[in-house]
Amino acid sequence: MAQKVPVTVVTGFLGAGKTSLIRHWLENADGRRLALIVNEFGDVGVDGEILRGCGIESCADEDIMELANGCLCCTVADDFIPTMEALLDRPNPPEHIIIETSGLALPKPLVKAVDWPTLRPRVTVDGVVTVVDGRAVVDGLFAPDPAAVQAAREADEALDHETPLEELFEEQLGCADLVIVNKTDLIEDADWSAIEARVREDARGGAGLIKSSFGAVPPAVALGLGAAAEDDLDSRPSHHDDGHEHDHDDFDSRVIHLGEMASEAAFQKAVEVIAGEFGLLRAKGFVAVNGKPRRYAMQGVGTRFQGYFDREWTTEETRRTSVVCIGEHDLDWNAIEAAVSGIAA
């Protein structure tokens, strides 16, 4: 029997640094054939485009398969299985498959999907890697008011989770073989003990825990864990083990298209202000800047934004600015769209 192709599932909340981590792996692949499946929440596939524009020799377009505007954990049969089979049926199949999940995805259904009759003889889940935004933990993103959370739990034993953010955090940590606390450059040394305690609270027993900045974790550390996670599902608890369907009704996204901007810095600052004013969880996209041949890749978590010029616009592309805004469902989305659309070019 041919050796199974290892699969690494990379999960983590919006903006935790999953794409940066994968890009680091590609840059240090040492000739190993890697294939990527990138799943995003929203119509504009920013993460896939960033990887395609990275200029890394081992990152060919045909090795990146993108599933946008959906959730792999909800569309396993329709999207995930055919995509995996297409990769495995190639004349020269990949040596390792990496799946970057949507920041709103549950990892356990993907692990279960390896039991699909056509996949199980051919692949194994080498490991589930969960990326955590350390700064977001310090800022209390996953439990806005810890005292209130505990009080609610004590008052109602049937209450499993209090916010959709906290549930996702628990699900992603509870399935992980390796937890990478990223963005440690934004964390004070004094904060680490509290971060570690919060992560360990929901992480599965025996999961590794390491620190990183800018996703700089060597492939040898995270690829080759040999977890065979599909055979170890009972140790990966989920709120949805009782059969309740997972959906994204708690979250929404808007894609806003604009023209060229006079300044990438001014535009990014304006979006940062809007994110803080309306409570956006995530904003990312590409900015076309007057007089500059390269596009500006911008992304932010809360009000922490960064960006860089990643590649030149091609002659086949329309030079325009596209921004994906992601937040909880009950935000004033019309006002958000109006605010972003009103940024002066």
C-alpha atoms as a PDB file:
ATOM      1  CA  MET A   1       0.000   0.000   0.000  1.00  0.00           C
ATOM      2  CA  ALA A   2       1.308   3.439  -0.901  1.00  0.00           C
ATOM      3  CA  GLN A   3       2.273   5.704   1.977  1.00  0.00           C
ATOM      4  CA  LYS A   4      -0.477   8.112   3.011  1.00  0.00           C
ATOM      5  CA  VAL A   5      -0.024  11.785   2.203  1.00  0.00           C
ATOM      6  CA  PRO A   6       0.164  13.819   5.432  1.00  0.00           C
ATOM      7  CA  VAL A   7      -2.278  16.691   5.867  1.00  0.00           C
ATOM      8  CA  THR A   8      -1.802  19.605   8.247  1.00  0.00           C
ATOM      9  CA  VAL A   9      -4.865  21.606   9.242  1.00  0.00           C
ATOM     10  CA  VAL A  10      -3.972  25.191  10.191  1.00  0.00           C
ATOM     11  CA  THR A  11      -6.692  26.865  12.207  1.00  0.00           C
ATOM     12  CA  GLY A  12      -6.977  29.995  14.318  1.00  0.00           C
ATOM     13  CA  PHE A  13      -9.175  33.029  14.623  1.00  0.00           C
ATOM     14  CA  LEU A  14      -9.339  35.859  12.094  1.00  0.00           C
ATOM     15  CA  GLY A  15      -5.987  37.585  11.706  1.00  0.00           C
ATOM     16  CA  ALA A  16      -4.028  35.316  14.039  1.00  0.00           C
ATOM     17  CA  GLY A  17      -1.250  34.909  11.478  1.00  0.00           C
ATOM     18  CA  LYS A  18      -2.081  31.669   9.640  1.00  0.00           C
ATOM     19  CA  THR A  19      -1.065  32.993   6.214  1.00  0.00           C
ATOM     20  CA  SER A  20       2.250  34.348   7.537  1.00  0.00           C
ATOM     21  CA  LEU A  21       2.986  30.958   9.073  1.00  0.00           C
ATOM     22  CA  ILE A  22       2.263  29.106   5.837  1.00  0.00           C
ATOM     23  CA  ARG A  23       4.307  31.563   3.823  1.00  0.00           C
ATOM     24  CA  HIS A  24       7.256  30.881   6.137  1.00  0.00           C
ATOM     25  CA  TRP A  25       6.847  27.149   5.509  1.00  0.00           C
ATOM     26  CA  LEU A  26       6.836  27.723   1.754  1.00  0.00           C
ATOM     27  CA  GLU A  27       9.980  29.827   1.963  1.00  0.00           C
ATOM     28  CA  ASN A  28      11.712  26.986   3.810  1.00  0.00           C
ATOM     29  CA  ALA A  29      10.263  23.997   1.954  1.00  0.00           C
ATOM     30  CA  ASP A  30      13.720  22.859   0.723  1.00  0.00           C
ATOM     31  CA  GLY A  31      12.269  21.393  -2.460  1.00  0.00           C
ATOM     32  CA  ARG A  32       9.470  19.468  -0.768  1.00  0.00           C
ATOM     33  CA  ARG A  33       6.258  19.451  -2.816  1.00  0.00           C
ATOM     34  CA  LEU A  34       3.626  21.256  -0.769  1.00  0.00           C
ATOM     35  CA  ALA A  35       0.047  21.938  -1.823  1.00  0.00           C
ATOM     36  CA  LEU A  36      -2.310  24.417  -0.168  1.00  0.00           C
ATOM     37  CA  ILE A  37      -6.057  24.578   0.231  1.00  0.00           C
ATOM     38  CA  VAL A  38      -7.055  28.068   1.331  1.00  0.00           C
ATOM     39  CA  ASN A  39     -10.556  28.664   2.672  1.00  0.00           C
ATOM     40  CA  GLU A  40     -11.796  32.185   3.380  1.00  0.00           C
ATOM     41  CA  PHE A  41     -14.838  33.949   4.749  1.00  0.00           C
ATOM     42  CA  GLY A  42     -15.799  36.518   2.121  1.00  0.00           C
ATOM     43  CA  ASP A  43     -15.861  36.794  -1.652  1.00  0.00           C
ATOM     44  CA  VAL A  44     -12.362  38.255  -2.116  1.00  0.00           C
ATOM     45  CA  GLY A  45      -9.662  35.650  -1.521  1.00  0.00           C
ATOM     46  CA  VAL A  46      -7.036  37.868   0.078  1.00  0.00           C
ATOM     47  CA  ASP A  47      -4.981  35.107   1.726  1.00  0.00           C
ATOM     48  CA  GLY A  48      -4.779  33.032  -1.444  1.00  0.00           C
ATOM     49  CA  GLU A  49      -3.775  36.090  -3.432  1.00  0.00           C
ATOM     50  CA  ILE A  50      -1.078  36.972  -0.913  1.00  0.00           C
ATOM     51  CA  LEU A  51       0.409  33.486  -1.224  1.00  0.00           C
ATOM     52  CA  ARG A  52       0.224  33.607  -5.016  1.00  0.00           C
ATOM     53  CA  GLY A  53       2.011  36.941  -5.020  1.00  0.00           C
ATOM     54  CA  CYS A  54       4.772  35.832  -2.668  1.00  0.00           C
ATOM     55  CA  GLY A  55       7.306  35.112  -5.422  1.00  0.00           C
ATOM     56  CA  ILE A  56       8.421  31.844  -3.806  1.00  0.00           C
ATOM     57  CA  GLU A  57       9.588  29.239  -6.309  1.00  0.00           C
ATOM     58  CA  SER A  58       7.881  26.380  -4.447  1.00  0.00           C
ATOM     59  CA  CYS A  59       4.574  28.277  -4.417  1.00  0.00           C
ATOM     60  CA  ALA A  60       3.203  27.634  -7.918  1.00  0.00           C
ATOM     61  CA  ASP A  61      -0.318  28.795  -8.715  1.00  0.00           C
ATOM     62  CA  GLU A  62      -1.464  25.255  -9.460  1.00  0.00           C
ATOM     63  CA  ASP A  63      -0.441  24.191  -5.941  1.00  0.00           C
ATOM     64  CA  ILE A  64      -2.839  26.676  -4.324  1.00  0.00           C
ATOM     65  CA  MET A  65      -6.507  25.719  -4.416  1.00  0.00           C
ATOM     66  CA  GLU A  66      -8.879  28.331  -3.076  1.00  0.00           C
ATOM     67  CA  LEU A  67     -12.360  27.845  -1.655  1.00  0.00           C
ATOM     68  CA  ALA A  68     -13.779  31.298  -0.993  1.00  0.00           C
ATOM     69  CA  ASN A  69     -17.082  32.512   0.429  1.00  0.00           C
ATOM     70  CA  GLY A  70     -17.730  29.367   2.412  1.00  0.00           C
ATOM     71  CA  CYS A  71     -16.613  27.214   5.290  1.00  0.00           C
ATOM     72  CA  LEU A  72     -14.929  23.878   4.733  1.00  0.00           C
ATOM     73  CA  CYS A  73     -16.314  22.598   8.001  1.00  0.00           C
ATOM     74  CA  CYS A  74     -19.829  23.145   6.602  1.00  0.00           C
ATOM     75  CA  THR A  75     -19.304  22.021   2.995  1.00  0.00           C
ATOM     76  CA  VAL A  76     -17.083  18.957   3.335  1.00  0.00           C
ATOM     77  CA  ALA A  77     -18.828  16.801   0.735  1.00  0.00           C
ATOM     78  CA  ASP A  78     -19.452  19.565  -1.797  1.00  0.00           C
ATOM     79  CA  ASP A  79     -16.083  21.328  -1.756  1.00  0.00           C
ATOM     80  CA  PHE A  80     -13.428  19.679   0.369  1.00  0.00           C
ATOM     81  CA  ILE A  81     -13.592  16.084  -0.887  1.00  0.00           C
ATOM     82  CA  PRO A  82     -13.414  16.929  -4.630  1.00  0.00           C
ATOM     83  CA  THR A  83     -10.572  19.379  -4.008  1.00  0.00           C
ATOM     84  CA  MET A  84      -8.565  16.813  -2.080  1.00  0.00           C
ATOM     85  CA  GLU A  85      -9.181  14.146  -4.706  1.00  0.00           C
ATOM     86  CA  ALA A  86      -8.032  16.516  -7.454  1.00  0.00           C
ATOM     87  CA  LEU A  87      -4.728  17.055  -5.651  1.00  0.00           C
ATOM     88  CA  LEU A  88      -4.189  13.366  -4.927  1.00  0.00           C
ATOM     89  CA  ASP A  89      -5.015  12.300  -8.502  1.00  0.00           C
ATOM     90  CA  ARG A  90      -2.273  14.415 -10.042  1.00  0.00           C
ATOM     91  CA  PRO A  91       0.488  12.528 -11.879  1.00  0.00           C
ATOM     92  CA  ASN A  92       2.954  14.025  -9.391  1.00  0.00           C
ATOM     93  CA  PRO A  93       0.879  14.465  -6.202  1.00  0.00           C
ATOM     94  CA  PRO A  94       2.027  16.668  -3.324  1.00  0.00           C
ATOM     95  CA  GLU A  95       4.168  15.269  -0.542  1.00  0.00           C
ATOM     96  CA  HIS A  96       2.279  17.256   2.070  1.00  0.00           C
ATOM     97  CA  ILE A  97      -1.065  19.092   1.959  1.00  0.00           C
ATOM     98  CA  ILE A  98      -1.683  22.161   4.102  1.00  0.00           C
ATOM     99  CA  ILE A  99      -5.215  23.396   4.706  1.00  0.00           C
ATOM    100  CA  GLU A 100      -5.611  26.985   5.883  1.00  0.00           C
ATOM    101  CA  THR A 101      -9.111  27.167   7.317  1.00  0.00           C
ATOM    102  CA  SER A 102     -11.307  30.208   7.493  1.00  0.00           C
ATOM    103  CA  GLY A 103     -10.814  32.096  10.748  1.00  0.00           C
ATOM    104  CA  LEU A 104     -14.410  31.176  11.568  1.00  0.00           C
ATOM    105  CA  ALA A 105     -14.076  27.456  10.837  1.00  0.00           C
ATOM    106  CA  LEU A 106     -14.230  24.513  13.189  1.00  0.00           C
ATOM    107  CA  PRO A 107     -11.289  22.125  12.678  1.00  0.00           C
ATOM    108  CA  LYS A 108     -12.852  18.885  13.915  1.00  0.00           C
ATOM    109  CA  PRO A 109     -15.201  18.338  10.925  1.00  0.00           C
ATOM    110  CA  LEU A 110     -12.180  18.495   8.618  1.00  0.00           C
ATOM    111  CA  VAL A 111     -10.404  15.877  10.688  1.00  0.00           C
ATOM    112  CA  LYS A 112     -13.526  13.713  10.494  1.00  0.00           C
ATOM    113  CA  ALA A 113     -13.634  14.191   6.713  1.00  0.00           C
ATOM    114  CA  VAL A 114     -10.474  12.113   6.323  1.00  0.00           C
ATOM    115  CA  ASP A 115     -12.672   9.121   7.181  1.00  0.00           C
ATOM    116  CA  TRP A 116     -14.407   9.672   3.835  1.00  0.00           C
ATOM    117  CA  PRO A 117     -14.138   6.339   1.993  1.00  0.00           C
ATOM    118  CA  THR A 118     -12.155   7.740  -0.930  1.00  0.00           C
ATOM    119  CA  LEU A 119      -9.724   9.656   1.293  1.00  0.00           C
ATOM    120  CA  ARG A 120      -8.930   7.510   4.297  1.00  0.00           C
ATOM    121  CA  PRO A 121      -6.685   5.034   2.420  1.00  0.00           C
ATOM    122  CA  ARG A 122      -4.742   7.914   0.892  1.00  0.00           C
ATOM    123  CA  VAL A 123      -4.272  10.656   3.518  1.00  0.00           C
ATOM    124  CA  THR A 124      -3.741  11.114   7.247  1.00  0.00           C
ATOM    125  CA  VAL A 125      -4.084  14.224   9.397  1.00  0.00           C
ATOM    126  CA  ASP A 126      -0.482  14.732  10.447  1.00  0.00           C
ATOM    127  CA  GLY A 127      -1.577  17.387  12.910  1.00  0.00           C
ATOM    128  CA  VAL A 128      -3.898  20.269  13.720  1.00  0.00           C
ATOM    129  CA  VAL A 129      -1.959  23.503  14.251  1.00  0.00           C
ATOM    130  CA  THR A 130      -3.846  26.321  15.959  1.00  0.00           C
ATOM    131  CA  VAL A 131      -2.464  29.842  15.663  1.00  0.00           C
ATOM    132  CA  VAL A 132      -3.382  32.234  18.466  1.00  0.00           C
ATOM    133  CA  ASP A 133      -3.058  36.019  18.345  1.00  0.00           C
ATOM    134  CA  GLY A 134      -1.301  36.607  21.666  1.00  0.00           C
ATOM    135  CA  ARG A 135      -2.099  40.308  21.678  1.00  0.00           C
ATOM    136  CA  ALA A 136      -5.809  39.564  21.190  1.00  0.00           C
ATOM    137  CA  VAL A 137      -5.740  37.271  24.228  1.00  0.00           C
ATOM    138  CA  VAL A 138      -4.188  40.055  26.301  1.00  0.00           C
ATOM    139  CA  ASP A 139      -6.836  42.458  25.020  1.00  0.00           C
ATOM    140  CA  GLY A 140      -9.612  40.094  26.123  1.00  0.00           C
ATOM    141  CA  LEU A 141     -11.061  39.520  22.656  1.00  0.00           C
ATOM    142  CA  PHE A 142     -12.227  35.996  23.419  1.00  0.00           C
ATOM    143  CA  ALA A 143     -13.858  36.829  26.745  1.00  0.00           C
ATOM    144  CA  PRO A 144     -14.670  40.554  26.805  1.00  0.00           C
ATOM    145  CA  ASP A 145     -15.518  40.468  30.510  1.00  0.00           C
ATOM    146  CA  PRO A 146     -14.046  37.398  32.247  1.00  0.00           C
ATOM    147  CA  ALA A 147     -15.831  38.141  35.536  1.00  0.00           C
ATOM    148  CA  ALA A 148     -19.184  38.370  33.778  1.00  0.00           C
ATOM    149  CA  VAL A 149     -18.458  35.153  31.874  1.00  0.00           C
ATOM    150  CA  GLN A 150     -17.773  33.269  35.090  1.00  0.00           C
ATOM    151  CA  ALA A 151     -20.846  34.748  36.781  1.00  0.00           C
ATOM    152  CA  ALA A 152     -23.037  33.674  33.848  1.00  0.00           C
ATOM    153  CA  ARG A 153     -21.670  30.143  34.001  1.00  0.00           C
ATOM    154  CA  GLU A 154     -22.341  29.904  37.724  1.00  0.00           C
ATOM    155  CA  ALA A 155     -25.877  31.215  37.255  1.00  0.00           C
ATOM    156  CA  ASP A 156     -26.785  28.814  34.450  1.00  0.00           C
ATOM    157  CA  GLU A 157     -25.107  25.417  34.318  1.00  0.00           C
ATOM    158  CA  ALA A 158     -26.578  24.804  30.848  1.00  0.00           C
ATOM    159  CA  LEU A 159     -24.706  27.779  29.390  1.00  0.00           C
ATOM    160  CA  ASP A 160     -21.733  26.372  27.490  1.00  0.00           C
ATOM    161  CA  HIS A 161     -20.449  29.575  25.935  1.00  0.00           C
ATOM    162  CA  GLU A 162     -21.256  33.247  26.137  1.00  0.00           C
ATOM    163  CA  THR A 163     -19.936  34.726  22.917  1.00  0.00           C
ATOM    164  CA  PRO A 164     -19.339  33.257  19.438  1.00  0.00           C
ATOM    165  CA  LEU A 165     -15.708  34.395  19.709  1.00  0.00           C
ATOM    166  CA  GLU A 166     -15.147  32.411  22.868  1.00  0.00           C
ATOM    167  CA  GLU A 167     -16.743  29.300  21.377  1.00  0.00           C
ATOM    168  CA  LEU A 168     -14.489  29.425  18.323  1.00  0.00           C
ATOM    169  CA  PHE A 169     -11.448  29.926  20.533  1.00  0.00           C
ATOM    170  CA  GLU A 170     -12.387  26.853  22.579  1.00  0.00           C
ATOM    171  CA  GLU A 171     -13.085  24.728  19.486  1.00  0.00           C
ATOM    172  CA  GLN A 172      -9.812  25.607  17.790  1.00  0.00           C
ATOM    173  CA  LEU A 173      -7.707  25.024  20.901  1.00  0.00           C
ATOM    174  CA  GLY A 174      -9.557  21.846  21.839  1.00  0.00           C
ATOM    175  CA  CYS A 175      -8.621  20.183  18.535  1.00  0.00           C
ATOM    176  CA  ALA A 176      -4.977  21.262  18.379  1.00  0.00           C
ATOM    177  CA  ASP A 177      -1.886  19.086  18.446  1.00  0.00           C
ATOM    178  CA  LEU A 178       0.294  22.193  18.418  1.00  0.00           C
ATOM    179  CA  VAL A 179      -0.633  25.713  19.560  1.00  0.00           C
ATOM    180  CA  ILE A 180       1.441  28.599  18.203  1.00  0.00           C
ATOM    181  CA  VAL A 181       1.016  31.840  20.138  1.00  0.00           C
ATOM    182  CA  ASN A 182       1.877  34.377  17.477  1.00  0.00           C
ATOM    183  CA  LYS A 183       2.618  38.116  17.551  1.00  0.00           C
ATOM    184  CA  THR A 184       4.791  37.831  20.640  1.00  0.00           C
ATOM    185  CA  ASP A 185       6.528  41.004  19.455  1.00  0.00           C
ATOM    186  CA  LEU A 186       3.383  42.814  20.629  1.00  0.00           C
ATOM    187  CA  ILE A 187       3.340  41.138  24.047  1.00  0.00           C
ATOM    188  CA  GLU A 188       5.091  42.212  27.231  1.00  0.00           C
ATOM    189  CA  ASP A 189       6.992  39.498  29.092  1.00  0.00           C
ATOM    190  CA  ALA A 190       4.751  40.069  32.095  1.00  0.00           C
ATOM    191  CA  ASP A 191       1.687  39.073  30.036  1.00  0.00           C
ATOM    192  CA  TRP A 192       2.948  35.637  29.042  1.00  0.00           C
ATOM    193  CA  SER A 193       1.833  33.728  32.149  1.00  0.00           C
ATOM    194  CA  ALA A 194      -1.750  34.974  31.720  1.00  0.00           C
ATOM    195  CA  ILE A 195      -1.731  34.085  28.007  1.00  0.00           C
ATOM    196  CA  GLU A 196      -0.397  30.598  28.682  1.00  0.00           C
ATOM    197  CA  ALA A 197      -2.989  30.020  31.408  1.00  0.00           C
ATOM    198  CA  ARG A 198      -5.822  31.136  29.110  1.00  0.00           C
ATOM    199  CA  VAL A 199      -4.626  28.912  26.267  1.00  0.00           C
ATOM    200  CA  ARG A 200      -4.069  25.889  28.501  1.00  0.00           C
ATOM    201  CA  GLU A 201      -7.597  26.296  29.870  1.00  0.00           C
ATOM    202  CA  ASP A 202      -9.096  25.093  26.576  1.00  0.00           C
ATOM    203  CA  ALA A 203      -6.193  23.306  24.864  1.00  0.00           C
ATOM    204  CA  ARG A 204      -6.394  19.521  24.635  1.00  0.00           C
ATOM    205  CA  GLY A 205      -4.122  17.566  26.914  1.00  0.00           C
ATOM    206  CA  GLY A 206      -0.639  17.013  25.559  1.00  0.00           C
ATOM    207  CA  ALA A 207      -0.811  19.783  22.940  1.00  0.00           C
ATOM    208  CA  GLY A 208       2.485  21.539  22.354  1.00  0.00           C
ATOM    209  CA  LEU A 209       2.697  25.287  22.991  1.00  0.00           C
ATOM    210  CA  ILE A 210       5.284  27.553  21.384  1.00  0.00           C
ATOM    211  CA  LYS A 211       5.770  31.273  20.779  1.00  0.00           C
ATOM    212  CA  SER A 212       6.349  33.020  17.461  1.00  0.00           C
ATOM    213  CA  SER A 213       6.553  36.404  15.795  1.00  0.00           C
ATOM    214  CA  PHE A 214       5.389  36.928  12.205  1.00  0.00           C
ATOM    215  CA  GLY A 215       4.680  33.180  11.935  1.00  0.00           C
ATOM    216  CA  ALA A 216       8.384  32.298  11.856  1.00  0.00           C
ATOM    217  CA  VAL A 217       8.042  28.666  12.935  1.00  0.00           C
ATOM    218  CA  PRO A 218      10.263  26.209  11.001  1.00  0.00           C
ATOM    219  CA  PRO A 219       8.432  23.509   9.005  1.00  0.00           C
ATOM    220  CA  ALA A 220      10.351  20.831  10.915  1.00  0.00           C
ATOM    221  CA  VAL A 221       8.626  21.979  14.110  1.00  0.00           C
ATOM    222  CA  ALA A 222       5.051  21.812  12.834  1.00  0.00           C
ATOM    223  CA  LEU A 223       5.060  19.423   9.853  1.00  0.00           C
ATOM    224  CA  GLY A 224       5.677  15.796  10.651  1.00  0.00           C
ATOM    225  CA  LEU A 225       3.841  15.582  13.966  1.00  0.00           C
ATOM    226  CA  GLY A 226       2.496  12.130  13.047  1.00  0.00           C
ATOM    227  CA  ALA A 227      -0.661  12.687  15.085  1.00  0.00           C
ATOM    228  CA  ALA A 228      -3.040  10.613  12.896  1.00  0.00           C
ATOM    229  CA  ALA A 229      -5.725  12.886  14.309  1.00  0.00           C
ATOM    230  CA  GLU A 230      -8.505  11.056  12.462  1.00  0.00           C
ATOM    231  CA  ASP A 231      -7.924   8.104  14.810  1.00  0.00           C
ATOM    232  CA  ASP A 232      -7.991  10.293  17.906  1.00  0.00           C
ATOM    233  CA  LEU A 233     -11.281  12.185  17.640  1.00  0.00           C
ATOM    234  CA  ASP A 234     -12.492  11.423  21.159  1.00  0.00           C
ATOM    235  CA  SER A 235      -9.738  13.560  22.669  1.00  0.00           C
ATOM    236  CA  ARG A 236     -10.873  16.545  20.575  1.00  0.00           C
ATOM    237  CA  PRO A 237     -14.195  17.671  22.123  1.00  0.00           C
ATOM    238  CA  SER A 238     -16.560  20.002  20.291  1.00  0.00           C
ATOM    239  CA  HIS A 239     -19.695  21.949  21.158  1.00  0.00           C
ATOM    240  CA  HIS A 240     -21.160  20.342  18.026  1.00  0.00           C
ATOM    241  CA  ASP A 241     -20.576  16.691  18.891  1.00  0.00           C
ATOM    242  CA  ASP A 242     -24.280  16.430  19.716  1.00  0.00           C
ATOM    243  CA  GLY A 243     -25.185  16.870  16.056  1.00  0.00           C
ATOM    244  CA  HIS A 244     -26.065  20.553  16.136  1.00  0.00           C
ATOM    245  CA  GLU A 245     -25.030  22.235  12.914  1.00  0.00           C
ATOM    246  CA  HIS A 246     -22.366  24.880  12.884  1.00  0.00           C
ATOM    247  CA  ASP A 247     -23.233  28.077  11.069  1.00  0.00           C
ATOM    248  CA  HIS A 248     -21.889  31.576  10.761  1.00  0.00           C
ATOM    249  CA  ASP A 249     -25.077  33.493  11.501  1.00  0.00           C
ATOM    250  CA  ASP A 250     -23.246  35.312  14.304  1.00  0.00           C
ATOM    251  CA  PHE A 251     -20.838  36.854  11.783  1.00  0.00           C
ATOM    252  CA  ASP A 252     -21.084  38.774   8.558  1.00  0.00           C
ATOM    253  CA  SER A 253     -18.764  40.237   5.949  1.00  0.00           C
ATOM    254  CA  ARG A 254     -18.866  42.948   3.319  1.00  0.00           C
ATOM    255  CA  VAL A 255     -16.603  43.431   0.327  1.00  0.00           C
ATOM    256  CA  ILE A 256     -16.209  47.076  -0.666  1.00  0.00           C
ATOM    257  CA  HIS A 257     -14.647  48.091  -3.980  1.00  0.00           C
ATOM    258  CA  LEU A 258     -13.203  51.563  -4.491  1.00  0.00           C
ATOM    259  CA  GLY A 259     -10.967  53.365  -6.953  1.00  0.00           C
ATOM    260  CA  GLU A 260      -7.322  54.272  -6.607  1.00  0.00           C
ATOM    261  CA  MET A 261      -6.108  56.021  -3.460  1.00  0.00           C
ATOM    262  CA  ALA A 262      -3.725  58.963  -3.164  1.00  0.00           C
ATOM    263  CA  SER A 263      -1.909  57.446  -0.187  1.00  0.00           C
ATOM    264  CA  GLU A 264      -1.849  53.902   1.137  1.00  0.00           C
ATOM    265  CA  ALA A 265      -0.920  55.139   4.619  1.00  0.00           C
ATOM    266  CA  ALA A 266      -3.823  57.584   4.793  1.00  0.00           C
ATOM    267  CA  PHE A 267      -6.269  54.974   3.537  1.00  0.00           C
ATOM    268  CA  GLN A 268      -5.061  52.373   6.034  1.00  0.00           C
ATOM    269  CA  LYS A 269      -5.359  54.888   8.872  1.00  0.00           C
ATOM    270  CA  ALA A 270      -8.911  55.755   7.808  1.00  0.00           C
ATOM    271  CA  VAL A 271      -9.941  52.085   7.778  1.00  0.00           C
ATOM    272  CA  GLU A 272      -8.305  51.613  11.174  1.00  0.00           C
ATOM    273  CA  VAL A 273     -10.429  54.453  12.594  1.00  0.00           C
ATOM    274  CA  ILE A 274     -13.593  52.940  11.078  1.00  0.00           C
ATOM    275  CA  ALA A 275     -12.723  49.509  12.503  1.00  0.00           C
ATOM    276  CA  GLY A 276     -12.455  50.992  15.971  1.00  0.00           C
ATOM    277  CA  GLU A 277     -15.592  53.082  15.640  1.00  0.00           C
ATOM    278  CA  PHE A 278     -17.817  50.190  14.535  1.00  0.00           C
ATOM    279  CA  GLY A 279     -16.101  47.296  16.312  1.00  0.00           C
ATOM    280  CA  LEU A 280     -14.913  45.344  13.260  1.00  0.00           C
ATOM    281  CA  LEU A 281     -13.088  42.134  14.049  1.00  0.00           C
ATOM    282  CA  ARG A 282     -11.056  42.053  10.840  1.00  0.00           C
ATOM    283  CA  ALA A 283     -10.422  44.101   7.718  1.00  0.00           C
ATOM    284  CA  LYS A 284      -8.105  43.144   4.865  1.00  0.00           C
ATOM    285  CA  GLY A 285      -7.666  43.717   1.189  1.00  0.00           C
ATOM    286  CA  PHE A 286      -5.630  45.323  -1.563  1.00  0.00           C
ATOM    287  CA  VAL A 287      -5.152  49.026  -2.260  1.00  0.00           C
ATOM    288  CA  ALA A 288      -4.416  50.564  -5.647  1.00  0.00           C
ATOM    289  CA  VAL A 289      -2.315  53.704  -5.138  1.00  0.00           C
ATOM    290  CA  ASN A 290      -2.035  56.506  -7.680  1.00  0.00           C
ATOM    291  CA  GLY A 291       1.309  56.441  -9.461  1.00  0.00           C
ATOM    292  CA  LYS A 292       2.553  53.226  -7.858  1.00  0.00           C
ATOM    293  CA  PRO A 293       2.897  50.052  -9.963  1.00  0.00           C
ATOM    294  CA  ARG A 294       2.614  47.658  -7.016  1.00  0.00           C
ATOM    295  CA  ARG A 295      -0.516  46.838  -5.058  1.00  0.00           C
ATOM    296  CA  TYR A 296      -0.627  47.402  -1.322  1.00  0.00           C
ATOM    297  CA  ALA A 297      -1.723  44.400   0.786  1.00  0.00           C
ATOM    298  CA  MET A 298      -3.408  45.623   3.966  1.00  0.00           C
ATOM    299  CA  GLN A 299      -4.786  43.718   6.920  1.00  0.00           C
ATOM    300  CA  GLY A 300      -5.856  44.444  10.452  1.00  0.00           C
ATOM    301  CA  VAL A 301      -7.226  42.829  13.593  1.00  0.00           C
ATOM    302  CA  GLY A 302      -9.369  45.227  15.583  1.00  0.00           C
ATOM    303  CA  THR A 303      -7.466  48.497  15.272  1.00  0.00           C
ATOM    304  CA  ARG A 304      -4.027  46.926  14.741  1.00  0.00           C
ATOM    305  CA  PHE A 305      -3.208  47.297  11.036  1.00  0.00           C
ATOM    306  CA  GLN A 306      -0.182  46.586   8.891  1.00  0.00           C
ATOM    307  CA  GLY A 307       0.567  46.436   5.207  1.00  0.00           C
ATOM    308  CA  TYR A 308       3.173  46.186   2.484  1.00  0.00           C
ATOM    309  CA  PHE A 309       3.501  46.366  -1.314  1.00  0.00           C
ATOM    310  CA  ASP A 310       3.437  42.737  -2.421  1.00  0.00           C
ATOM    311  CA  ARG A 311       3.586  42.681  -6.231  1.00  0.00           C
ATOM    312  CA  GLU A 312       2.955  44.671  -9.392  1.00  0.00           C
ATOM    313  CA  TRP A 313      -0.509  44.920 -10.861  1.00  0.00           C
ATOM    314  CA  THR A 314      -0.817  42.827 -14.009  1.00  0.00           C
ATOM    315  CA  THR A 315      -2.132  44.140 -17.303  1.00  0.00           C
ATOM    316  CA  GLU A 316      -5.122  41.790 -17.029  1.00  0.00           C
ATOM    317  CA  GLU A 317      -6.219  43.242 -13.679  1.00  0.00           C
ATOM    318  CA  THR A 318      -8.410  46.238 -12.979  1.00  0.00           C
ATOM    319  CA  ARG A 319      -6.517  48.599 -10.696  1.00  0.00           C
ATOM    320  CA  ARG A 320      -8.932  49.109  -7.842  1.00  0.00           C
ATOM    321  CA  THR A 321      -9.077  49.022  -4.064  1.00  0.00           C
ATOM    322  CA  SER A 322     -10.938  46.075  -2.492  1.00  0.00           C
ATOM    323  CA  VAL A 323     -11.518  45.723   1.242  1.00  0.00           C
ATOM    324  CA  VAL A 324     -13.127  42.809   3.101  1.00  0.00           C
ATOM    325  CA  CYS A 325     -14.698  43.801   6.422  1.00  0.00           C
ATOM    326  CA  ILE A 326     -15.663  41.062   8.897  1.00  0.00           C
ATOM    327  CA  GLY A 327     -17.553  41.464  12.152  1.00  0.00           C
ATOM    328  CA  GLU A 328     -20.447  40.261  14.224  1.00  0.00           C
ATOM    329  CA  HIS A 329     -23.804  40.079  12.500  1.00  0.00           C
ATOM    330  CA  ASP A 330     -25.553  42.856  14.401  1.00  0.00           C
ATOM    331  CA  LEU A 331     -23.171  45.657  13.401  1.00  0.00           C
ATOM    332  CA  ASP A 332     -24.528  48.604  11.413  1.00  0.00           C
ATOM    333  CA  TRP A 333     -23.265  47.262   8.102  1.00  0.00           C
ATOM    334  CA  ASN A 334     -24.846  49.980   5.969  1.00  0.00           C
ATOM    335  CA  ALA A 335     -23.031  52.618   7.985  1.00  0.00           C
ATOM    336  CA  ILE A 336     -19.762  50.669   7.736  1.00  0.00           C
ATOM    337  CA  GLU A 337     -20.052  50.429   3.966  1.00  0.00           C
ATOM    338  CA  ALA A 338     -20.864  54.133   3.735  1.00  0.00           C
ATOM    339  CA  ALA A 339     -17.891  55.049   5.933  1.00  0.00           C
ATOM    340  CA  VAL A 340     -15.384  52.983   3.946  1.00  0.00           C
ATOM    341  CA  SER A 341     -16.845  54.089   0.612  1.00  0.00           C
ATOM    342  CA  GLY A 342     -16.567  57.694   1.746  1.00  0.00           C
ATOM    343  CA  ILE A 343     -12.792  57.608   2.240  1.00  0.00           C
ATOM    344  CA  ALA A 344     -11.404  60.253  -0.089  1.00  0.00           C
ATOM    345  CA  ALA A 345      -9.275  59.028  -2.974  1.00  0.00           C
END
